[in-house]
C-alpha atoms as a PDB file:
ATOM      1  CA  MET A   1     -24.144-126.793 -35.713  1.00  0.00           C
ATOM      2  CA  ILE A   2     -26.066-123.022 -35.603  1.00  0.00           C
ATOM      3  CA  GLN A   3     -22.810-121.778 -36.510  1.00  0.00           C
ATOM      4  CA  ASP A   4     -22.235-123.688 -39.431  1.00  0.00           C
ATOM      5  CA  LEU A   5     -26.093-123.878 -40.715  1.00  0.00           C
ATOM      6  CA  ARG A   6     -26.085-119.730 -40.641  1.00  0.00           C
ATOM      7  CA  SER A   7     -22.403-119.845 -42.259  1.00  0.00           C
ATOM      8  CA  SER A   8     -23.925-122.214 -45.344  1.00  0.00           C
ATOM      9  CA  LEU A   9     -26.829-119.714 -45.205  1.00  0.00           C
ATOM     10  CA  GLU A  10     -24.322-116.665 -45.559  1.00  0.00           C
ATOM     11  CA  ILE A  11     -22.419-118.623 -48.895  1.00  0.00           C
ATOM     12  CA  LEU A  12     -26.198-119.651 -50.020  1.00  0.00           C
ATOM     13  CA  ILE A  13     -27.229-116.189 -50.184  1.00  0.00           C
ATOM     14  CA  GLU A  14     -23.934-114.941 -51.679  1.00  0.00           C
ATOM     15  CA  THR A  15     -24.457-117.778 -54.365  1.00  0.00           C
ATOM     16  CA  VAL A  16     -27.707-116.662 -55.296  1.00  0.00           C
ATOM     17  CA  VAL A  17     -26.744-112.787 -55.015  1.00  0.00           C
ATOM     18  CA  LEU A  18     -23.721-113.789 -57.893  1.00  0.00           C
ATOM     19  CA  GLU A  19     -26.508-114.922 -60.020  1.00  0.00           C
ATOM     20  CA  LEU A  20     -29.135-112.791 -59.638  1.00  0.00           C
ATOM     21  CA  SER A  21     -26.111-109.967 -60.628  1.00  0.00           C
ATOM     22  CA  SER A  22     -25.508-111.116 -63.652  1.00  0.00           C
ATOM     23  CA  GLY A  23     -21.827-109.898 -63.450  1.00  0.00           C
ATOM     24  CA  VAL A  24     -22.874-106.749 -62.727  1.00  0.00           C
ATOM     25  CA  GLN A  25     -21.982-106.830 -59.182  1.00  0.00           C
ATOM     26  CA  LYS A  26     -18.487-107.022 -59.194  1.00  0.00           C
ATOM     27  CA  GLU A  27     -18.256-107.644 -55.029  1.00  0.00           C
ATOM     28  CA  ILE A  28     -20.580-108.635 -52.815  1.00  0.00           C
ATOM     29  CA  PRO A  29     -20.829-106.581 -49.501  1.00  0.00           C
ATOM     30  CA  PRO A  30     -20.330-108.861 -46.206  1.00  0.00           C
ATOM     31  CA  ILE A  31     -23.798-111.080 -46.096  1.00  0.00           C
ATOM     32  CA  GLN A  32     -24.802-110.262 -42.366  1.00  0.00           C
ATOM     33  CA  LEU A  33     -27.500-112.207 -40.692  1.00  0.00           C
ATOM     34  CA  GLU A  34     -29.627-111.084 -37.637  1.00  0.00           C
ATOM     35  CA  ILE A  35     -31.992-111.843 -35.330  1.00  0.00           C
ATOM     36  CA  PRO A  36     -35.286-109.475 -35.783  1.00  0.00           C
ATOM     37  CA  HIS A  37     -36.567-107.980 -32.601  1.00  0.00           C
ATOM     38  CA  ASP A  38     -39.915-108.445 -34.220  1.00  0.00           C
ATOM     39  CA  LYS A  39     -40.737-112.740 -34.538  1.00  0.00           C
ATOM     40  CA  ALA A  40     -43.371-111.572 -36.656  1.00  0.00           C
ATOM     41  CA  ASN A  41     -40.322-110.522 -39.301  1.00  0.00           C
ATOM     42  CA  GLY A  42     -39.400-113.891 -39.626  1.00  0.00           C
ATOM     43  CA  ASP A  43     -36.618-115.995 -37.078  1.00  0.00           C
ATOM     44  CA  LEU A  44     -33.211-114.434 -39.236  1.00  0.00           C
ATOM     45  CA  ALA A  45     -33.154-110.897 -41.479  1.00  0.00           C
ATOM     46  CA  CYS A  46     -30.506-110.409 -43.999  1.00  0.00           C
ATOM     47  CA  ASN A  47     -30.255-106.431 -45.821  1.00  0.00           C
ATOM     48  CA  ILE A  48     -27.871-107.723 -48.414  1.00  0.00           C
ATOM     49  CA  ALA A  49     -31.067-106.442 -50.944  1.00  0.00           C
ATOM     50  CA  LEU A  50     -31.187-103.068 -49.984  1.00  0.00           C
ATOM     51  CA  LYS A  51     -26.551-102.894 -49.558  1.00  0.00           C
ATOM     52  CA  ILE A  52     -26.907-104.202 -54.239  1.00  0.00           C
ATOM     53  CA  ALA A  53     -29.738-102.043 -55.435  1.00  0.00           C
ATOM     54  CA  ALA A  54     -27.750 -99.206 -56.640  1.00  0.00           C
ATOM     55  CA  ASP A  55     -25.415-101.280 -58.102  1.00  0.00           C
ATOM     56  CA  LEU A  56     -28.467-103.497 -60.228  1.00  0.00           C
ATOM     57  CA  LYS A  57     -30.734-100.396 -60.423  1.00  0.00           C
ATOM     58  CA  GLN A  58     -33.158-102.064 -58.917  1.00  0.00           C
ATOM     59  CA  ASN A  59     -35.892-102.086 -56.536  1.00  0.00           C
ATOM     60  CA  PRO A  60     -34.560-103.404 -53.042  1.00  0.00           C
ATOM     61  CA  PHE A  61     -38.104-105.031 -52.510  1.00  0.00           C
ATOM     62  CA  HIS A  62     -37.701-106.616 -56.087  1.00  0.00           C
ATOM     63  CA  ILE A  63     -34.611-108.012 -55.579  1.00  0.00           C
ATOM     64  CA  ALA A  64     -35.389-108.930 -52.013  1.00  0.00           C
ATOM     65  CA  ASN A  65     -38.546-111.246 -53.453  1.00  0.00           C
ATOM     66  CA  LYS A  66     -36.173-112.750 -56.416  1.00  0.00           C
ATOM     67  CA  LEU A  67     -33.754-113.559 -53.859  1.00  0.00           C
ATOM     68  CA  LYS A  68     -36.330-115.485 -51.463  1.00  0.00           C
ATOM     69  CA  GLU A  69     -37.993-117.051 -54.735  1.00  0.00           C
ATOM     70  CA  ALA A  70     -34.458-118.580 -55.004  1.00  0.00           C
ATOM     71  CA  LEU A  71     -33.117-119.797 -51.976  1.00  0.00           C
ATOM     72  CA  SER A  72     -36.866-121.142 -51.270  1.00  0.00           C
ATOM     73  CA  LYS A  73     -36.382-123.325 -54.779  1.00  0.00           C
ATOM     74  CA  ARG A  74     -32.767-124.032 -53.269  1.00  0.00           C
ATOM     75  CA  ILE A  75     -34.147-124.905 -49.998  1.00  0.00           C
ATOM     76  CA  GLU A  76     -36.819-127.594 -50.764  1.00  0.00           C
ATOM     77  CA  ASN A  77     -33.854-129.837 -52.156  1.00  0.00           C
ATOM     78  CA  CYS A  78     -31.879-129.616 -49.612  1.00  0.00           C
ATOM     79  CA  PRO A  79     -31.426-133.443 -46.947  1.00  0.00           C
ATOM     80  CA  LEU A  80     -33.006-131.195 -43.753  1.00  0.00           C
ATOM     81  CA  SER A  81     -35.878-129.721 -45.129  1.00  0.00           C
END
């Protein structure tokens, strides 16, 4: 079940990244979710914002915030939340 959840989250992140890139990003780097060493940084971490920042010509922090907002909206509507 954990692996299914992780796979679903990776697909969701990829979908949101495609939406945010509006065709600028031709190919998305692999989505990698990791467990942070410091629990204060959350349960999972992903560095996709750093990977795509140069192609989008945007600050990675700005991309990460837009990604967080879009994911939050989608997760709110998830039947498991």
